Amino acid sequence: MTETMGELILATALFVGSHFLLSSTAIRRTITARTGLWPFLSVYSVIAVASLIWMVWAYVNAPYIELWPQTRWTRWLPSLVMPLALILMTHGYTAPNPTMVGQQTRVSAPDPAPGVLKITRHPIMWGIALWALSHIPVNGDVAALILFGGMALLALGGAAHLDHRRRETQPVGWQRFADVTSYTPFVAIIGGRARFSLADYDWTRLLIALVAFGVLLFLHGWLTGVPVWPG
């Protein structure tokens, strides 16, 4: 039992730590200077996928050690949070986004933060974080805290790290983008630095996100063995 939990801790540390290590400005610059960008990204991806598979495998095989009892309200939490998480991730992956690899020059666009980027400049990271954080209370065990806590740490810490790296590599353009966006959702809108309009919203992406949510609701019990709806 102890060995299995230790394997989960090690796999999670590798998954999270390798992302922070390989994305650090100094290490990334040193390696890409010798190999080029795309070979570096290929190796990065292989390490990320391999460590992710190991982490999930270790989680599935980890023992259940309860931290707190499951309650009815915690079982509702993921169902309430996941639509927003999927909306953020769908827009983050499919819409123009200066935080994505290869789209850095979009910070110079007339509107550098279209659509959902006015809510947060890191929609993908916040979507992942919301997914992870909403699944910790409902599980209430050590393995879930390690897995989902590690994912949330990587998402939110990775977003902050990306901000720091882009300030160093794109000081002028990134500042222009940062001035009209926020790390934390809705802060730029509340502070008057961004104005979100429904006219800027892509309803097709919203539909895709809601369909994805419906599919996950339908498949969740089959994929995880745990029904979604509270009993």
C-alpha atoms as a PDB file:
ATOM      1  CA  MET A   1       0.000   0.000   0.000  1.00  0.00           C
ATOM      2  CA  THR A   2       2.764   2.417   0.966  1.00  0.00           C
ATOM      3  CA  GLU A   3       4.730   1.574  -2.185  1.00  0.00           C
ATOM      4  CA  THR A   4       1.712   2.244  -4.414  1.00  0.00           C
ATOM      5  CA  MET A   5       1.042   5.618  -2.803  1.00  0.00           C
ATOM      6  CA  GLY A   6       4.732   6.464  -3.037  1.00  0.00           C
ATOM      7  CA  GLU A   7       4.620   5.668  -6.759  1.00  0.00           C
ATOM      8  CA  LEU A   8       1.716   8.075  -7.202  1.00  0.00           C
ATOM      9  CA  ILE A   9       3.627  10.805  -5.371  1.00  0.00           C
ATOM     10  CA  LEU A  10       6.707  10.174  -7.523  1.00  0.00           C
ATOM     11  CA  ALA A  11       4.731  10.117 -10.791  1.00  0.00           C
ATOM     12  CA  THR A  12       2.882  13.315  -9.888  1.00  0.00           C
ATOM     13  CA  ALA A  13       6.134  15.025  -8.888  1.00  0.00           C
ATOM     14  CA  LEU A  14       7.673  14.011 -12.228  1.00  0.00           C
ATOM     15  CA  PHE A  15       4.666  15.213 -14.225  1.00  0.00           C
ATOM     16  CA  VAL A  16       4.440  18.567 -12.462  1.00  0.00           C
ATOM     17  CA  GLY A  17       8.177  19.101 -11.957  1.00  0.00           C
ATOM     18  CA  SER A  18       9.168  18.282 -15.542  1.00  0.00           C
ATOM     19  CA  HIS A  19       6.749  20.913 -16.844  1.00  0.00           C
ATOM     20  CA  PHE A  20       8.183  23.624 -14.606  1.00  0.00           C
ATOM     21  CA  LEU A  21      11.786  22.543 -15.240  1.00  0.00           C
ATOM     22  CA  LEU A  22      11.603  22.297 -19.030  1.00  0.00           C
ATOM     23  CA  SER A  23       9.591  25.500 -19.377  1.00  0.00           C
ATOM     24  CA  SER A  24      12.022  27.607 -17.345  1.00  0.00           C
ATOM     25  CA  THR A  25      13.526  30.352 -19.483  1.00  0.00           C
ATOM     26  CA  ALA A  26      17.175  29.440 -18.904  1.00  0.00           C
ATOM     27  CA  ILE A  27      16.800  25.699 -19.540  1.00  0.00           C
ATOM     28  CA  ARG A  28      14.441  26.152 -22.479  1.00  0.00           C
ATOM     29  CA  ARG A  29      16.770  28.680 -24.105  1.00  0.00           C
ATOM     30  CA  THR A  30      19.839  26.489 -23.585  1.00  0.00           C
ATOM     31  CA  ILE A  31      18.262  23.363 -25.045  1.00  0.00           C
ATOM     32  CA  THR A  32      16.518  25.050 -27.989  1.00  0.00           C
ATOM     33  CA  ALA A  33      19.767  26.801 -28.936  1.00  0.00           C
ATOM     34  CA  ARG A  34      21.258  23.352 -29.554  1.00  0.00           C
ATOM     35  CA  THR A  35      18.294  21.379 -30.847  1.00  0.00           C
ATOM     36  CA  GLY A  36      15.837  23.933 -32.232  1.00  0.00           C
ATOM     37  CA  LEU A  37      12.330  24.631 -30.950  1.00  0.00           C
ATOM     38  CA  TRP A  38      10.315  21.776 -32.418  1.00  0.00           C
ATOM     39  CA  PRO A  39      12.692  18.938 -31.426  1.00  0.00           C
ATOM     40  CA  PHE A  40      12.613  20.383 -27.901  1.00  0.00           C
ATOM     41  CA  LEU A  41       8.815  20.537 -27.919  1.00  0.00           C
ATOM     42  CA  SER A  42       8.658  16.955 -29.206  1.00  0.00           C
ATOM     43  CA  VAL A  43      10.778  15.653 -26.335  1.00  0.00           C
ATOM     44  CA  TYR A  44       8.798  17.830 -23.926  1.00  0.00           C
ATOM     45  CA  SER A  45       5.567  16.266 -25.188  1.00  0.00           C
ATOM     46  CA  VAL A  46       6.886  12.704 -24.889  1.00  0.00           C
ATOM     47  CA  ILE A  47       7.943  13.293 -21.274  1.00  0.00           C
ATOM     48  CA  ALA A  48       4.608  14.947 -20.478  1.00  0.00           C
ATOM     49  CA  VAL A  49       2.512  12.140 -21.993  1.00  0.00           C
ATOM     50  CA  ALA A  50       4.605   9.352 -20.456  1.00  0.00           C
ATOM     51  CA  SER A  51       4.543  10.881 -16.982  1.00  0.00           C
ATOM     52  CA  LEU A  52       0.800  11.580 -17.298  1.00  0.00           C
ATOM     53  CA  ILE A  53       0.097   7.941 -18.169  1.00  0.00           C
ATOM     54  CA  TRP A  54       2.236   6.782 -15.244  1.00  0.00           C
ATOM     55  CA  MET A  55       0.476   9.193 -12.883  1.00  0.00           C
ATOM     56  CA  VAL A  56      -3.013   8.053 -13.928  1.00  0.00           C
ATOM     57  CA  TRP A  57      -2.000   4.391 -13.694  1.00  0.00           C
ATOM     58  CA  ALA A  58      -0.591   4.927 -10.206  1.00  0.00           C
ATOM     59  CA  TYR A  59      -3.766   6.762  -9.175  1.00  0.00           C
ATOM     60  CA  VAL A  60      -6.020   3.958 -10.403  1.00  0.00           C
ATOM     61  CA  ASN A  61      -3.985   1.434  -8.425  1.00  0.00           C
ATOM     62  CA  ALA A  62      -3.580   3.537  -5.282  1.00  0.00           C
ATOM     63  CA  PRO A  63      -5.476   2.512  -2.123  1.00  0.00           C
ATOM     64  CA  TYR A  64      -8.423   4.537  -0.867  1.00  0.00           C
ATOM     65  CA  ILE A  65      -7.387   6.368   2.295  1.00  0.00           C
ATOM     66  CA  GLU A  66     -10.230   8.597   3.458  1.00  0.00           C
ATOM     67  CA  LEU A  67      -9.495  12.159   4.558  1.00  0.00           C
ATOM     68  CA  TRP A  68     -13.116  13.250   5.017  1.00  0.00           C
ATOM     69  CA  PRO A  69     -16.486  11.579   4.407  1.00  0.00           C
ATOM     70  CA  GLN A  70     -18.308  12.181   1.142  1.00  0.00           C
ATOM     71  CA  THR A  71     -21.381  14.370   1.435  1.00  0.00           C
ATOM     72  CA  ARG A  72     -24.253  15.228  -0.897  1.00  0.00           C
ATOM     73  CA  TRP A  73     -23.097  18.793  -1.607  1.00  0.00           C
ATOM     74  CA  THR A  74     -19.595  17.703  -2.607  1.00  0.00           C
ATOM     75  CA  ARG A  75     -21.077  15.287  -5.148  1.00  0.00           C
ATOM     76  CA  TRP A  76     -22.909  18.209  -6.777  1.00  0.00           C
ATOM     77  CA  LEU A  77     -19.799  20.399  -6.942  1.00  0.00           C
ATOM     78  CA  PRO A  78     -18.155  18.975 -10.109  1.00  0.00           C
ATOM     79  CA  SER A  79     -21.465  19.060 -11.995  1.00  0.00           C
ATOM     80  CA  LEU A  80     -21.849  22.750 -11.185  1.00  0.00           C
ATOM     81  CA  VAL A  81     -18.245  23.715 -11.939  1.00  0.00           C
ATOM     82  CA  MET A  82     -17.503  21.615 -15.024  1.00  0.00           C
ATOM     83  CA  PRO A  83     -19.648  23.587 -17.533  1.00  0.00           C
ATOM     84  CA  LEU A  84     -17.585  26.704 -16.825  1.00  0.00           C
ATOM     85  CA  ALA A  85     -14.343  24.693 -16.931  1.00  0.00           C
ATOM     86  CA  LEU A  86     -15.249  23.225 -20.319  1.00  0.00           C
ATOM     87  CA  ILE A  87     -16.321  26.609 -21.700  1.00  0.00           C
ATOM     88  CA  LEU A  88     -12.939  28.068 -20.729  1.00  0.00           C
ATOM     89  CA  MET A  89     -10.980  25.122 -22.163  1.00  0.00           C
ATOM     90  CA  THR A  90     -12.979  24.972 -25.403  1.00  0.00           C
ATOM     91  CA  HIS A  91     -12.426  28.666 -26.094  1.00  0.00           C
ATOM     92  CA  GLY A  92      -8.804  28.510 -24.972  1.00  0.00           C
ATOM     93  CA  TYR A  93      -7.934  25.703 -27.379  1.00  0.00           C
ATOM     94  CA  THR A  94      -9.958  26.829 -30.409  1.00  0.00           C
ATOM     95  CA  ALA A  95      -9.912  30.650 -30.360  1.00  0.00           C
ATOM     96  CA  PRO A  96      -6.939  32.972 -31.075  1.00  0.00           C
ATOM     97  CA  ASN A  97      -4.852  32.949 -27.914  1.00  0.00           C
ATOM     98  CA  PRO A  98      -1.436  34.645 -27.425  1.00  0.00           C
ATOM     99  CA  THR A  99      -0.642  32.271 -24.543  1.00  0.00           C
ATOM    100  CA  MET A 100      -0.561  29.266 -26.900  1.00  0.00           C
ATOM    101  CA  VAL A 101       2.637  27.973 -28.527  1.00  0.00           C
ATOM    102  CA  GLY A 102       3.145  29.582 -31.944  1.00  0.00           C
ATOM    103  CA  GLN A 103       0.602  32.367 -31.338  1.00  0.00           C
ATOM    104  CA  GLN A 104       2.835  34.772 -29.419  1.00  0.00           C
ATOM    105  CA  THR A 105       2.609  37.437 -32.138  1.00  0.00           C
ATOM    106  CA  ARG A 106      -1.139  37.807 -31.507  1.00  0.00           C
ATOM    107  CA  VAL A 107      -0.296  40.197 -28.687  1.00  0.00           C
ATOM    108  CA  SER A 108       0.151  42.785 -31.468  1.00  0.00           C
ATOM    109  CA  ALA A 109      -3.337  42.258 -32.931  1.00  0.00           C
ATOM    110  CA  PRO A 110      -5.776  45.231 -32.874  1.00  0.00           C
ATOM    111  CA  ASP A 111      -7.704  43.386 -30.159  1.00  0.00           C
ATOM    112  CA  PRO A 112      -5.126  41.139 -28.442  1.00  0.00           C
ATOM    113  CA  ALA A 113      -7.748  39.649 -26.075  1.00  0.00           C
ATOM    114  CA  PRO A 114     -10.888  38.713 -28.008  1.00  0.00           C
ATOM    115  CA  GLY A 115     -13.817  36.874 -26.467  1.00  0.00           C
ATOM    116  CA  VAL A 116     -13.159  34.741 -23.403  1.00  0.00           C
ATOM    117  CA  LEU A 117      -9.625  36.138 -22.984  1.00  0.00           C
ATOM    118  CA  LYS A 118     -11.265  39.196 -21.469  1.00  0.00           C
ATOM    119  CA  ILE A 119     -12.376  36.922 -18.627  1.00  0.00           C
ATOM    120  CA  THR A 120      -8.888  35.489 -18.119  1.00  0.00           C
ATOM    121  CA  ARG A 121      -5.805  35.354 -20.301  1.00  0.00           C
ATOM    122  CA  HIS A 122      -5.321  31.721 -19.222  1.00  0.00           C
ATOM    123  CA  PRO A 123      -8.661  30.023 -20.020  1.00  0.00           C
ATOM    124  CA  ILE A 124      -7.120  26.586 -20.546  1.00  0.00           C
ATOM    125  CA  MET A 125      -5.180  26.637 -17.289  1.00  0.00           C
ATOM    126  CA  TRP A 126      -8.160  27.884 -15.296  1.00  0.00           C
ATOM    127  CA  GLY A 127     -10.399  25.285 -16.928  1.00  0.00           C
ATOM    128  CA  ILE A 128      -8.009  22.524 -15.864  1.00  0.00           C
ATOM    129  CA  ALA A 129      -7.685  24.019 -12.367  1.00  0.00           C
ATOM    130  CA  LEU A 130     -11.453  24.212 -11.907  1.00  0.00           C
ATOM    131  CA  TRP A 131     -11.808  20.593 -13.046  1.00  0.00           C
ATOM    132  CA  ALA A 132      -9.091  19.450 -10.648  1.00  0.00           C
ATOM    133  CA  LEU A 133     -10.148  21.513  -7.630  1.00  0.00           C
ATOM    134  CA  SER A 134     -13.822  20.527  -7.953  1.00  0.00           C
ATOM    135  CA  HIS A 135     -12.875  16.832  -7.831  1.00  0.00           C
ATOM    136  CA  ILE A 136     -10.898  16.999  -4.571  1.00  0.00           C
ATOM    137  CA  PRO A 137     -13.860  17.530  -2.177  1.00  0.00           C
ATOM    138  CA  VAL A 138     -16.033  14.889  -3.838  1.00  0.00           C
ATOM    139  CA  ASN A 139     -13.357  12.189  -3.549  1.00  0.00           C
ATOM    140  CA  GLY A 140     -12.046  13.067  -0.114  1.00  0.00           C
ATOM    141  CA  ASP A 141      -9.069  10.704  -0.159  1.00  0.00           C
ATOM    142  CA  VAL A 142      -5.282  10.932  -0.194  1.00  0.00           C
ATOM    143  CA  ALA A 143      -4.790   9.717  -3.770  1.00  0.00           C
ATOM    144  CA  ALA A 144      -7.282  12.247  -5.169  1.00  0.00           C
ATOM    145  CA  LEU A 145      -5.643  15.045  -3.210  1.00  0.00           C
ATOM    146  CA  ILE A 146      -2.257  14.122  -4.703  1.00  0.00           C
ATOM    147  CA  LEU A 147      -3.467  13.712  -8.300  1.00  0.00           C
ATOM    148  CA  PHE A 148      -5.936  16.586  -8.559  1.00  0.00           C
ATOM    149  CA  GLY A 149      -3.882  18.821  -6.281  1.00  0.00           C
ATOM    150  CA  GLY A 150      -0.875  18.275  -8.535  1.00  0.00           C
ATOM    151  CA  MET A 151      -2.929  19.109 -11.634  1.00  0.00           C
ATOM    152  CA  ALA A 152      -4.267  22.304 -10.045  1.00  0.00           C
ATOM    153  CA  LEU A 153      -0.765  23.304  -8.940  1.00  0.00           C
ATOM    154  CA  LEU A 154       0.576  22.748 -12.436  1.00  0.00           C
ATOM    155  CA  ALA A 155      -2.265  24.688 -14.072  1.00  0.00           C
ATOM    156  CA  LEU A 156      -2.227  27.753 -11.831  1.00  0.00           C
ATOM    157  CA  GLY A 157       1.509  27.741 -11.209  1.00  0.00           C
ATOM    158  CA  GLY A 158       2.153  27.139 -14.900  1.00  0.00           C
ATOM    159  CA  ALA A 159      -0.010  30.124 -15.840  1.00  0.00           C
ATOM    160  CA  ALA A 160       1.925  32.364 -13.450  1.00  0.00           C
ATOM    161  CA  HIS A 161       5.202  30.967 -14.801  1.00  0.00           C
ATOM    162  CA  LEU A 162       4.096  31.648 -18.388  1.00  0.00           C
ATOM    163  CA  ASP A 163       3.320  35.258 -17.445  1.00  0.00           C
ATOM    164  CA  HIS A 164       6.822  35.649 -16.007  1.00  0.00           C
ATOM    165  CA  ARG A 165       8.515  34.068 -19.038  1.00  0.00           C
ATOM    166  CA  ARG A 166       6.583  36.141 -21.574  1.00  0.00           C
ATOM    167  CA  ARG A 167       7.385  39.358 -19.685  1.00  0.00           C
ATOM    168  CA  GLU A 168      11.052  38.493 -20.173  1.00  0.00           C
ATOM    169  CA  THR A 169      10.851  37.420 -23.818  1.00  0.00           C
ATOM    170  CA  GLN A 170       8.123  39.827 -25.069  1.00  0.00           C
ATOM    171  CA  PRO A 171       8.310  42.790 -22.688  1.00  0.00           C
ATOM    172  CA  VAL A 172       6.445  45.336 -24.833  1.00  0.00           C
ATOM    173  CA  GLY A 173       3.895  43.159 -26.591  1.00  0.00           C
ATOM    174  CA  TRP A 174       3.082  41.072 -23.540  1.00  0.00           C
ATOM    175  CA  GLN A 175       2.533  44.146 -21.381  1.00  0.00           C
ATOM    176  CA  ARG A 176       0.018  45.442 -23.928  1.00  0.00           C
ATOM    177  CA  PHE A 177      -1.827  42.119 -23.684  1.00  0.00           C
ATOM    178  CA  ALA A 178      -1.573  41.971 -19.883  1.00  0.00           C
ATOM    179  CA  ASP A 179      -2.958  45.502 -19.535  1.00  0.00           C
ATOM    180  CA  VAL A 180      -6.346  44.421 -20.917  1.00  0.00           C
ATOM    181  CA  THR A 181      -6.479  40.927 -19.363  1.00  0.00           C
ATOM    182  CA  SER A 182      -6.068  39.328 -15.963  1.00  0.00           C
ATOM    183  CA  TYR A 183      -4.545  36.188 -14.516  1.00  0.00           C
ATOM    184  CA  THR A 184      -7.514  35.658 -12.192  1.00  0.00           C
ATOM    185  CA  PRO A 185     -10.906  35.368 -13.942  1.00  0.00           C
ATOM    186  CA  PHE A 186     -13.033  38.546 -14.138  1.00  0.00           C
ATOM    187  CA  VAL A 187     -10.478  40.795 -12.386  1.00  0.00           C
ATOM    188  CA  ALA A 188      -9.774  42.842 -15.535  1.00  0.00           C
ATOM    189  CA  ILE A 189     -13.509  43.253 -16.170  1.00  0.00           C
ATOM    190  CA  ILE A 190     -14.249  44.274 -12.581  1.00  0.00           C
ATOM    191  CA  GLY A 191     -11.329  46.699 -12.649  1.00  0.00           C
ATOM    192  CA  GLY A 192     -12.503  48.317 -15.896  1.00  0.00           C
ATOM    193  CA  ARG A 193      -9.433  47.219 -17.924  1.00  0.00           C
ATOM    194  CA  ALA A 194     -11.551  44.942 -20.140  1.00  0.00           C
ATOM    195  CA  ARG A 195     -15.116  45.087 -21.360  1.00  0.00           C
ATOM    196  CA  PHE A 196     -16.846  41.795 -22.114  1.00  0.00           C
ATOM    197  CA  SER A 197     -19.646  41.990 -24.665  1.00  0.00           C
ATOM    198  CA  LEU A 198     -21.949  39.202 -25.820  1.00  0.00           C
ATOM    199  CA  ALA A 199     -21.269  40.419 -29.346  1.00  0.00           C
ATOM    200  CA  ASP A 200     -17.692  39.166 -28.916  1.00  0.00           C
ATOM    201  CA  TYR A 201     -18.837  35.731 -27.786  1.00  0.00           C
ATOM    202  CA  ASP A 202     -18.684  32.682 -30.048  1.00  0.00           C
ATOM    203  CA  TRP A 203     -21.888  30.710 -29.443  1.00  0.00           C
ATOM    204  CA  THR A 204     -20.647  27.768 -31.515  1.00  0.00           C
ATOM    205  CA  ARG A 205     -17.851  27.192 -29.013  1.00  0.00           C
ATOM    206  CA  LEU A 206     -20.355  27.442 -26.185  1.00  0.00           C
ATOM    207  CA  LEU A 207     -22.466  24.744 -27.836  1.00  0.00           C
ATOM    208  CA  ILE A 208     -19.394  22.531 -28.262  1.00  0.00           C
ATOM    209  CA  ALA A 209     -18.541  22.937 -24.576  1.00  0.00           C
ATOM    210  CA  LEU A 210     -22.073  22.076 -23.459  1.00  0.00           C
ATOM    211  CA  VAL A 211     -22.200  19.032 -25.752  1.00  0.00           C
ATOM    212  CA  ALA A 212     -18.860  17.902 -24.310  1.00  0.00           C
ATOM    213  CA  PHE A 213     -20.314  18.310 -20.826  1.00  0.00           C
ATOM    214  CA  GLY A 214     -23.310  16.176 -21.760  1.00  0.00           C
ATOM    215  CA  VAL A 215     -21.052  13.459 -23.194  1.00  0.00           C
ATOM    216  CA  LEU A 216     -18.945  13.446 -20.037  1.00  0.00           C
ATOM    217  CA  LEU A 217     -22.068  13.164 -17.887  1.00  0.00           C
ATOM    218  CA  PHE A 218     -23.170  10.169 -19.936  1.00  0.00           C
ATOM    219  CA  LEU A 219     -19.775   8.431 -19.990  1.00  0.00           C
ATOM    220  CA  HIS A 220     -18.516   9.324 -16.503  1.00  0.00           C
ATOM    221  CA  GLY A 221     -19.878   6.236 -14.788  1.00  0.00           C
ATOM    222  CA  TRP A 222     -18.530   3.931 -17.497  1.00  0.00           C
ATOM    223  CA  LEU A 223     -15.106   5.584 -17.605  1.00  0.00           C
ATOM    224  CA  THR A 224     -14.541   5.942 -13.865  1.00  0.00           C
ATOM    225  CA  GLY A 225     -17.011   3.558 -12.261  1.00  0.00           C
ATOM    226  CA  VAL A 226     -18.490   6.484 -10.315  1.00  0.00           C
ATOM    227  CA  PRO A 227     -21.944   7.906 -11.235  1.00  0.00           C
ATOM    228  CA  VAL A 228     -22.179  11.668 -11.610  1.00  0.00           C
ATOM    229  CA  TRP A 229     -25.564  12.393 -10.102  1.00  0.00           C
ATOM    230  CA  PRO A 230     -25.794  12.454  -6.320  1.00  0.00           C
ATOM    231  CA  GLY A 231     -27.896   9.663  -4.892  1.00  0.00           C
END
